[in-house]
Amino acid sequence: MSKRVLELAAVAAGLCIIAAIAVAANRAAPAKITFTRDVAPILYNRCAECHRPGEIAPMSLLSYKDARPWARSIKEKVVDRSMPPWLATPGYGHFENDRRLSQKEVDTISAWVDGGALQGDEKDLPPAPKFEEGWSIGKPDTVIALDEEVAVPATGVAPYQYINVKTHFTENKWVQAAEIRPGNRKVVHHIIVFVQDASQAAEAAGPRHAQGEAREGRGGRGFKLAGYAPGEQPKVFPPGTAKLIKAGSTLTFQMHYTPNGEASKDRSYIGLIFAKQPVNKVVQTGTATNARFVIPPGDGNFEVKSSWTAKEDVRLVDLMPHMHVRGKDFTYTAVYPDGRSQVILQVPRYDFNWQLLYRLKEPLLLPRGGRIDCVAHFDNSVKNKYNPDPSKEVRWGDQTWEEMMIGWFDYILDSENLLPGTAALTRARPEAAPAKNR
């Protein structure tokens, strides 16, 4: 009897051990990473802005069916940090539109691919993000297009075109967001939209400027409203700030086309969202620009510097470096009146195909007498695979095979206060636009 009891006890103990091991194994086994539960939220939050139908990315990532064929490519791009595109060095400046994935997000996508890129339960899929079709800023309050299509030749060099379009605004408009959309991405190199008020537009159309600078929508006056270039995001200004377009103003589209071997047409346009709350400060645009450089043939690290000095206390809103295909790196440094300096943006590997805008989380105070110092380097050597001709001396110029060095930035005046009375609207200051801007 006792032997039988001992046998049963041994069996029971064995079963308990097996059960314990099974429970432990179940607890230790991580849940399988799936698209619906783990990956879709990341793609919706970080990638859908571009990776959706009709946008610049080559494929949509809104559904499992869309994303699954690209799984290995997605892993490769997020692991090497080339996607989502973000070129700023971490630790210099804090940016509201920082696109970088966290390490946890990178690890999740990597584990999903390594685990077979499973779909998961449809019940786990969060709602897809909602976009206004054709826009990143949401539905515009108004859309202003070129009056007619522009013919772009199949070959040759296309000089800049400056095309005036009337706003037909009968009252002042405060613009809180602006987005330029190319009508034909295949041939549009870049677009900048400037604003001229009624008096400036009339002077620009006058006979003495028939072939002059004002005819081109500049004339040393007018101001930049927004731009479009490869990778550039729309303009969205902080709450309580905006750009003022006065009644009767004209928009001037600076159009740079690149012939691609096929005669085509373009009719680009801009969408504007008006401020829905009182505006306290006018957003202005400035540049730290150097147009007097000469890059020697074969020089792989040619340095160019530029600077801008604040004439009164200002707060910086956003930054955007601009060079062409020889551009190598670009750094913005704030230099304060007391001698202190602070790197506020460092782009160590500039990419002409991703001309990103960097929106500061909080406007940065630059006191009167403070400076923005910009330093850029250019690679005119054979090691630069994008270099059109390393044997050539390179100077400032409009075309991609020439170069530019522009440190764009938007700012507000720290002391400005438009709220006490509407009369303050008339004190909005136009900004000077540089002679050529891309």
Protein backbone atom coordinates (compact mmCIF):
# COMPACT_ATOMS: atom_id res chain seq x y z
CA MET A 1 0.00 0.00 0.00
CA SER A 2 2.75 2.40 0.99
CA LYS A 3 4.61 1.62 -2.22
CA ARG A 4 1.51 2.47 -4.26
CA VAL A 5 1.11 5.75 -2.39
CA LEU A 6 4.74 6.62 -3.03
CA GLU A 7 4.31 5.91 -6.76
CA LEU A 8 1.22 8.13 -6.97
CA ALA A 9 2.99 10.89 -5.06
CA ALA A 10 5.92 10.70 -7.48
CA VAL A 11 3.59 10.94 -10.48
CA ALA A 12 1.78 13.89 -8.95
CA ALA A 13 5.04 15.65 -8.22
CA GLY A 14 6.17 15.08 -11.78
CA LEU A 15 2.94 16.49 -13.16
CA CYS A 16 3.32 19.57 -10.92
CA ILE A 17 6.84 20.12 -12.19
CA ILE A 18 5.71 19.80 -15.82
CA ALA A 19 2.84 22.22 -15.19
CA ALA A 20 5.17 24.69 -13.50
CA ILE A 21 7.59 24.53 -16.40
CA ALA A 22 4.76 25.07 -18.88
CA VAL A 23 3.47 28.08 -16.94
CA ALA A 24 6.97 29.54 -16.73
CA ALA A 25 7.50 28.98 -20.43
CA ASN A 26 4.24 30.70 -21.27
CA ARG A 27 5.15 33.64 -19.08
CA ALA A 28 8.61 33.90 -20.61
CA ALA A 29 7.43 33.71 -24.21
CA PRO A 30 6.98 37.28 -25.50
CA ALA A 31 3.86 38.15 -27.39
CA LYS A 32 4.39 38.02 -31.13
CA ILE A 33 4.82 41.44 -32.73
CA THR A 34 2.05 42.12 -35.24
CA PHE A 35 1.23 44.82 -37.73
CA THR A 36 -2.21 45.59 -36.38
CA ARG A 37 -1.29 45.93 -32.71
CA ASP A 38 2.34 47.10 -32.73
CA VAL A 39 3.52 48.42 -36.08
CA ALA A 40 0.52 50.26 -37.52
CA PRO A 41 0.44 52.84 -34.68
CA ILE A 42 4.07 53.73 -35.44
CA LEU A 43 3.51 54.03 -39.18
CA TYR A 44 0.33 56.06 -38.69
CA ASN A 45 2.08 58.48 -36.34
CA ARG A 46 5.44 58.81 -38.07
CA CYS A 47 5.12 57.86 -41.73
CA ALA A 48 1.59 58.39 -43.03
CA GLU A 49 2.12 62.08 -43.75
CA CYS A 50 4.12 61.07 -46.85
CA HIS A 51 3.31 57.36 -47.21
CA ARG A 52 -0.31 57.65 -48.32
CA PRO A 53 -2.02 57.77 -51.72
CA GLY A 54 -1.22 60.86 -53.76
CA GLU A 55 1.76 62.00 -51.69
CA ILE A 56 5.47 62.16 -52.44
CA ALA A 57 6.44 58.73 -51.09
CA PRO A 58 6.55 55.89 -53.67
CA MET A 59 4.15 53.67 -51.71
CA SER A 60 1.40 53.85 -49.10
CA LEU A 61 1.89 52.24 -45.68
CA LEU A 62 -1.64 52.64 -44.37
CA SER A 63 -2.61 48.96 -44.52
CA TYR A 64 -0.98 45.59 -43.96
CA LYS A 65 -1.46 44.83 -47.64
CA ASP A 66 0.43 48.01 -48.50
CA ALA A 67 3.25 47.53 -46.01
CA ARG A 68 3.93 43.78 -46.10
CA PRO A 69 5.80 43.68 -49.46
CA TRP A 70 8.12 46.43 -48.16
CA ALA A 71 8.79 44.91 -44.73
CA ARG A 72 12.51 44.24 -45.17
CA SER A 73 13.08 47.62 -46.78
CA ILE A 74 11.20 49.31 -43.95
CA LYS A 75 13.42 47.58 -41.39
CA GLU A 76 16.58 48.54 -43.27
CA LYS A 77 15.61 52.21 -43.50
CA VAL A 78 14.52 52.62 -39.89
CA VAL A 79 17.54 50.76 -38.50
CA ASP A 80 19.99 52.96 -40.43
CA ARG A 81 17.90 56.04 -39.50
CA SER A 82 17.46 57.22 -43.08
CA MET A 83 13.69 57.05 -42.57
CA PRO A 84 11.80 58.96 -41.43
CA PRO A 85 14.07 61.71 -42.80
CA TRP A 86 15.58 63.86 -40.06
CA LEU A 87 19.05 65.30 -40.58
CA ALA A 88 19.68 67.31 -37.40
CA THR A 89 22.20 66.12 -34.81
CA PRO A 90 20.43 65.20 -31.53
CA GLY A 91 21.29 67.45 -28.61
CA TYR A 92 21.38 70.74 -30.51
CA GLY A 93 17.98 72.42 -30.32
CA HIS A 94 14.54 70.99 -29.56
CA PHE A 95 12.17 70.79 -32.51
CA GLU A 96 8.41 70.48 -32.61
CA ASN A 97 8.45 68.51 -35.88
CA ASP A 98 11.23 66.06 -34.96
CA ARG A 99 10.50 62.97 -37.05
CA ARG A 100 12.96 60.58 -35.41
CA LEU A 101 11.76 57.20 -34.19
CA SER A 102 12.53 56.21 -30.63
CA GLN A 103 14.80 53.22 -30.16
CA LYS A 104 11.79 51.26 -28.89
CA GLU A 105 9.92 52.01 -32.13
CA VAL A 106 12.93 50.92 -34.22
CA ASP A 107 13.22 47.71 -32.19
CA THR A 108 9.50 46.99 -32.60
CA ILE A 109 9.63 47.28 -36.38
CA SER A 110 12.82 45.21 -36.54
CA ALA A 111 11.30 42.46 -34.38
CA TRP A 112 8.14 42.47 -36.50
CA VAL A 113 10.14 41.83 -39.67
CA ASP A 114 12.39 39.24 -38.03
CA GLY A 115 9.29 37.44 -36.72
CA GLY A 116 7.79 37.02 -40.18
CA ALA A 117 5.95 40.35 -40.52
CA LEU A 118 2.70 38.95 -39.12
CA GLN A 119 -0.59 40.73 -39.71
CA GLY A 120 -2.32 40.13 -36.39
CA ASP A 121 -5.94 40.50 -35.37
CA GLU A 122 -7.92 43.13 -37.28
CA LYS A 123 -9.60 44.08 -33.98
CA ASP A 124 -6.24 45.43 -32.78
CA LEU A 125 -5.86 47.84 -35.70
CA PRO A 126 -6.26 51.48 -34.60
CA PRO A 127 -8.25 53.91 -36.75
CA ALA A 128 -6.24 55.13 -39.73
CA PRO A 129 -5.25 58.80 -39.54
CA LYS A 130 -7.56 61.16 -41.38
CA PHE A 131 -6.08 63.59 -43.87
CA GLU A 132 -7.62 66.18 -46.08
CA GLU A 133 -6.97 64.70 -49.51
CA GLY A 134 -4.12 66.53 -51.20
CA TRP A 135 -3.00 68.48 -48.12
CA SER A 136 -0.84 68.11 -45.04
CA ILE A 137 -2.09 71.22 -43.22
CA GLY A 138 -5.75 70.21 -43.38
CA LYS A 139 -8.45 71.78 -45.53
CA PRO A 140 -7.30 75.25 -46.61
CA ASP A 141 -9.54 78.26 -46.18
CA THR A 142 -8.53 79.36 -49.67
CA VAL A 143 -6.48 77.99 -52.56
CA ILE A 144 -4.69 80.30 -54.99
CA ALA A 145 -3.33 78.78 -58.20
CA LEU A 146 -1.35 80.07 -61.15
CA ASP A 147 -3.78 81.72 -63.52
CA GLU A 148 -2.87 79.35 -66.34
CA GLU A 149 -0.68 76.37 -67.11
CA VAL A 150 3.03 76.94 -67.66
CA ALA A 151 4.70 75.11 -70.55
CA VAL A 152 7.96 73.40 -69.54
CA PRO A 153 10.28 72.42 -72.42
CA ALA A 154 11.64 68.91 -72.77
CA THR A 155 15.29 69.97 -72.72
CA GLY A 156 17.55 72.90 -71.99
CA VAL A 157 17.96 75.17 -68.98
CA ALA A 158 14.77 76.70 -67.59
CA PRO A 159 15.39 80.18 -66.11
CA TYR A 160 13.44 81.26 -63.05
CA GLN A 161 9.95 82.53 -63.78
CA TYR A 162 8.14 85.09 -61.60
CA ILE A 163 4.38 84.85 -62.01
CA ASN A 164 2.03 87.31 -60.32
CA VAL A 165 -1.39 86.15 -59.12
CA LYS A 166 -3.92 88.47 -57.49
CA THR A 167 -5.37 87.35 -54.17
CA HIS A 168 -8.61 89.35 -54.61
CA PHE A 169 -8.66 89.75 -50.83
CA THR A 170 -10.96 92.62 -49.83
CA GLU A 171 -9.75 92.61 -46.24
CA ASN A 172 -6.53 91.84 -44.37
CA LYS A 173 -5.87 88.13 -43.84
CA TRP A 174 -3.74 86.55 -41.13
CA VAL A 175 -2.11 83.35 -42.43
CA GLN A 176 -1.41 80.74 -39.75
CA ALA A 177 -0.40 77.94 -42.14
CA ALA A 178 0.60 77.77 -45.81
CA GLU A 179 1.29 74.80 -48.07
CA ILE A 180 2.53 74.94 -51.66
CA ARG A 181 1.63 72.06 -53.93
CA PRO A 182 3.41 71.56 -57.27
CA GLY A 183 1.06 70.80 -60.13
CA ASN A 184 3.68 68.56 -61.75
CA ARG A 185 6.30 67.19 -59.33
CA LYS A 186 8.31 65.69 -62.20
CA VAL A 187 9.47 69.10 -63.42
CA VAL A 188 9.11 71.44 -60.43
CA HIS A 189 12.50 72.01 -58.80
CA HIS A 190 11.25 74.52 -56.25
CA ILE A 191 8.65 77.23 -55.63
CA ILE A 192 8.77 80.29 -53.39
CA VAL A 193 5.69 82.46 -52.94
CA PHE A 194 6.21 86.13 -52.07
CA VAL A 195 3.60 88.71 -51.05
CA GLN A 196 3.43 92.28 -52.33
CA ASP A 197 0.81 94.70 -51.09
CA ALA A 198 -1.26 96.71 -53.57
CA SER A 199 1.18 99.63 -53.84
CA GLN A 200 4.20 97.37 -54.32
CA ALA A 201 2.43 95.30 -56.95
CA ALA A 202 1.41 98.43 -58.87
CA GLU A 203 4.97 99.75 -58.82
CA ALA A 204 6.33 96.38 -59.94
CA ALA A 205 3.99 96.46 -62.95
CA GLY A 206 5.10 99.97 -63.92
CA PRO A 207 6.93 100.62 -67.21
CA ARG A 208 10.27 101.54 -65.62
CA HIS A 209 10.43 98.06 -64.12
CA ALA A 210 9.40 96.28 -67.28
CA GLN A 211 12.60 94.21 -67.30
CA GLY A 212 13.79 94.97 -63.78
CA GLU A 213 13.86 93.42 -60.38
CA ALA A 214 10.41 94.59 -59.25
CA ARG A 215 8.89 92.87 -62.26
CA GLU A 216 10.17 89.66 -60.72
CA GLY A 217 8.21 90.24 -57.54
CA ARG A 218 11.14 91.34 -55.43
CA GLY A 219 12.37 94.91 -55.79
CA GLY A 220 13.95 94.70 -52.33
CA ARG A 221 10.48 94.57 -50.77
CA GLY A 222 7.68 92.10 -50.44
CA PHE A 223 8.17 89.10 -48.19
CA LYS A 224 8.42 85.36 -48.39
CA LEU A 225 5.21 83.58 -47.46
CA ALA A 226 6.22 79.94 -47.97
CA GLY A 227 8.38 77.65 -50.06
CA TYR A 228 8.37 74.23 -51.66
CA ALA A 229 11.50 72.17 -52.27
CA PRO A 230 12.31 68.45 -52.05
CA GLY A 231 11.41 67.31 -48.55
CA GLU A 232 10.32 70.74 -47.33
CA GLN A 233 7.34 70.74 -44.95
CA PRO A 234 4.53 73.31 -44.99
CA LYS A 235 4.73 76.51 -42.97
CA VAL A 236 2.79 76.29 -39.69
CA PHE A 237 3.27 79.18 -37.28
CA PRO A 238 2.95 79.06 -33.47
CA PRO A 239 -0.42 79.99 -31.91
CA GLY A 240 -0.89 83.74 -31.66
CA THR A 241 1.50 84.42 -34.55
CA ALA A 242 0.87 84.67 -38.29
CA LYS A 243 1.86 86.39 -41.52
CA LEU A 244 -0.26 89.30 -42.70
CA ILE A 245 -1.52 89.52 -46.27
CA LYS A 246 -3.10 92.91 -46.74
CA ALA A 247 -6.25 93.50 -48.78
CA GLY A 248 -5.49 93.82 -52.49
CA SER A 249 -2.12 92.06 -52.24
CA THR A 250 -0.57 90.03 -55.03
CA LEU A 251 1.25 86.71 -54.70
CA THR A 252 4.39 86.23 -56.77
CA PHE A 253 5.28 82.61 -57.53
CA GLN A 254 9.00 82.13 -58.08
CA MET A 255 9.04 79.02 -60.27
CA HIS A 256 12.11 76.94 -61.00
CA TYR A 257 11.49 74.12 -63.47
CA THR A 258 13.85 71.30 -64.43
CA PRO A 259 13.23 69.81 -67.91
CA ASN A 260 13.18 66.01 -67.78
CA GLY A 261 13.26 65.01 -71.45
CA GLU A 262 9.53 65.33 -72.03
CA ALA A 263 7.60 68.52 -72.78
CA SER A 264 5.07 69.05 -70.01
CA LYS A 265 2.87 71.58 -68.24
CA ASP A 266 2.45 72.74 -64.68
CA ARG A 267 -0.11 74.71 -62.72
CA SER A 268 1.03 74.90 -59.12
CA TYR A 269 -0.96 76.36 -56.24
CA ILE A 270 -0.85 77.36 -52.57
CA GLY A 271 -3.35 76.63 -49.79
CA LEU A 272 -3.77 79.02 -46.87
CA ILE A 273 -5.30 78.52 -43.44
CA PHE A 274 -6.27 81.74 -41.69
CA ALA A 275 -5.72 82.31 -37.99
CA LYS A 276 -8.76 81.38 -35.89
CA GLN A 277 -7.60 83.21 -32.76
CA PRO A 278 -6.28 86.74 -32.14
CA VAL A 279 -2.82 87.37 -33.54
CA ASN A 280 -0.33 88.99 -31.20
CA LYS A 281 2.82 88.98 -33.32
CA VAL A 282 3.72 89.09 -37.02
CA VAL A 283 6.01 86.34 -38.27
CA GLN A 284 8.89 87.72 -40.32
CA THR A 285 11.50 85.98 -42.45
CA GLY A 286 15.23 86.59 -42.45
CA THR A 287 18.36 85.02 -43.88
CA ALA A 288 22.03 84.70 -43.08
CA THR A 289 23.31 84.59 -46.67
CA ASN A 290 26.70 84.59 -48.36
CA ALA A 291 26.72 84.94 -52.14
CA ARG A 292 30.38 85.92 -52.58
CA PHE A 293 32.12 82.57 -52.39
CA VAL A 294 34.27 80.77 -54.95
CA ILE A 295 34.68 77.02 -54.41
CA PRO A 296 37.97 75.77 -55.94
CA PRO A 297 37.98 72.70 -58.19
CA GLY A 298 38.42 69.47 -56.27
CA ASP A 299 38.04 71.01 -52.80
CA GLY A 300 36.29 68.48 -50.58
CA ASN A 301 35.65 70.68 -47.55
CA PHE A 302 35.33 74.32 -48.58
CA GLU A 303 33.98 76.55 -45.79
CA VAL A 304 31.54 79.43 -46.24
CA LYS A 305 30.25 81.63 -43.41
CA SER A 306 27.33 84.03 -43.10
CA SER A 307 25.80 86.09 -40.30
CA TRP A 308 22.69 88.09 -39.33
CA THR A 309 22.49 90.55 -36.42
CA ALA A 310 19.29 91.28 -34.48
CA LYS A 311 18.46 95.01 -34.38
CA GLU A 312 16.07 94.42 -31.48
CA ASP A 313 15.03 91.54 -29.25
CA VAL A 314 13.62 88.75 -31.42
CA ARG A 315 12.50 85.16 -30.96
CA LEU A 316 13.44 82.55 -33.57
CA VAL A 317 10.56 80.36 -34.75
CA ASP A 318 12.10 78.00 -37.31
CA LEU A 319 15.29 77.32 -39.28
CA MET A 320 15.97 75.97 -42.77
CA PRO A 321 19.43 75.61 -44.33
CA HIS A 322 19.71 75.71 -48.11
CA MET A 323 22.52 74.63 -50.44
CA HIS A 324 22.69 72.67 -53.68
CA VAL A 325 24.22 69.29 -54.52
CA ARG A 326 27.76 70.13 -53.30
CA GLY A 327 26.37 71.04 -49.86
CA LYS A 328 28.02 68.91 -47.17
CA ASP A 329 27.02 70.25 -43.73
CA PHE A 330 25.38 73.32 -42.18
CA THR A 331 25.41 74.73 -38.64
CA TYR A 332 23.46 77.59 -37.02
CA THR A 333 24.96 79.18 -33.89
CA ALA A 334 23.27 81.83 -31.73
CA VAL A 335 25.86 84.31 -30.44
CA TYR A 336 24.60 86.41 -27.53
CA PRO A 337 25.61 90.01 -26.65
CA ASP A 338 27.41 88.82 -23.49
CA GLY A 339 29.71 86.61 -25.57
CA ARG A 340 27.99 83.29 -24.96
CA SER A 341 27.28 81.08 -27.96
CA GLN A 342 24.96 78.14 -28.52
CA VAL A 343 24.63 75.75 -31.45
CA ILE A 344 20.92 75.71 -32.24
CA LEU A 345 20.95 73.47 -35.33
CA GLN A 346 23.59 71.18 -36.74
CA VAL A 347 23.03 69.26 -39.97
CA PRO A 348 26.14 67.08 -40.37
CA ARG A 349 25.08 65.40 -43.63
CA TYR A 350 23.14 67.88 -45.73
CA ASP A 351 20.93 66.27 -48.37
CA PHE A 352 19.63 68.35 -51.27
CA ASN A 353 16.78 65.86 -51.71
CA TRP A 354 15.57 66.44 -48.13
CA GLN A 355 15.52 70.19 -47.53
CA LEU A 356 13.91 70.02 -44.14
CA LEU A 357 12.35 72.79 -42.06
CA TYR A 358 13.16 72.70 -38.34
CA ARG A 359 10.42 74.21 -36.13
CA LEU A 360 11.61 75.11 -32.65
CA LYS A 361 9.46 73.74 -29.82
CA GLU A 362 9.64 77.13 -28.13
CA PRO A 363 10.63 80.39 -29.86
CA LEU A 364 14.26 81.12 -28.95
CA LEU A 365 15.11 84.58 -27.58
CA LEU A 366 17.94 86.39 -29.38
CA PRO A 367 18.52 89.79 -27.70
CA ARG A 368 19.32 92.96 -29.60
CA GLY A 369 22.90 92.80 -30.85
CA GLY A 370 22.89 89.01 -30.85
CA ARG A 371 23.79 87.16 -34.04
CA ILE A 372 22.94 84.10 -36.02
CA ASP A 373 26.22 82.74 -37.37
CA CYS A 374 25.99 80.08 -40.06
CA VAL A 375 28.85 77.86 -41.23
CA ALA A 376 28.54 75.56 -44.23
CA HIS A 377 30.95 73.23 -45.99
CA PHE A 378 30.87 72.17 -49.62
CA ASP A 379 32.30 69.05 -51.27
CA ASN A 380 33.51 69.82 -54.80
CA SER A 381 35.64 66.67 -54.99
CA VAL A 382 35.35 63.45 -56.97
CA LYS A 383 34.23 61.74 -53.75
CA ASN A 384 30.89 63.55 -53.95
CA LYS A 385 28.76 61.29 -56.14
CA TYR A 386 26.30 64.13 -56.78
CA ASN A 387 28.98 66.53 -57.99
CA PRO A 388 28.23 67.55 -61.60
CA ASP A 389 31.86 68.46 -62.36
CA PRO A 390 34.68 68.41 -59.76
CA SER A 391 37.00 70.17 -62.21
CA LYS A 392 34.92 73.34 -62.23
CA GLU A 393 35.19 76.43 -60.02
CA VAL A 394 31.78 76.98 -58.41
CA ARG A 395 30.06 80.27 -57.55
CA TRP A 396 26.61 81.40 -56.47
CA GLY A 397 23.89 80.72 -59.03
CA ASP A 398 20.30 79.69 -59.59
CA GLN A 399 20.85 76.31 -61.19
CA THR A 400 21.52 73.08 -59.34
CA TRP A 401 25.04 72.75 -60.76
CA GLU A 402 25.84 76.15 -59.21
CA GLU A 403 25.66 76.75 -55.47
CA MET A 404 23.92 78.75 -52.76
CA MET A 405 24.49 79.33 -49.06
CA ILE A 406 21.34 80.52 -47.26
CA GLY A 407 20.42 80.16 -43.62
CA TRP A 408 16.68 80.81 -43.70
CA PHE A 409 14.81 81.54 -40.47
CA ASP A 410 11.47 82.93 -39.29
CA TYR A 411 11.23 85.15 -36.23
CA ILE A 412 8.93 87.41 -34.22
CA LEU A 413 9.66 90.71 -32.46
CA ASP A 414 9.72 90.14 -28.72
CA SER A 415 8.20 93.54 -27.87
CA GLU A 416 5.44 93.49 -30.48
CA ASN A 417 1.87 93.36 -29.18
CA LEU A 418 -0.97 93.69 -31.66
CA LEU A 419 -3.82 92.84 -29.31
CA PRO A 420 -4.57 96.22 -27.64
CA GLY A 421 -6.11 97.66 -30.83
CA THR A 422 -6.78 96.82 -34.47
CA ALA A 423 -4.81 99.91 -35.51
CA ALA A 424 -1.73 97.82 -34.84
CA LEU A 425 -2.44 95.89 -38.04
CA THR A 426 -1.02 98.71 -40.08
CA ARG A 427 2.30 98.44 -38.27
CA ALA A 428 3.10 95.04 -39.75
CA ARG A 429 6.53 95.26 -41.30
CA PRO A 430 7.33 93.79 -44.73
CA GLU A 431 10.53 91.79 -44.88
CA ALA A 432 13.25 92.23 -47.43
CA ALA A 433 13.60 89.27 -49.75
CA PRO A 434 17.01 88.24 -51.04
CA ALA A 435 17.66 88.80 -54.74
CA LYS A 436 17.58 85.10 -55.60
CA ASN A 437 16.51 82.49 -53.18
CA ARG A 438 17.13 78.92 -54.25
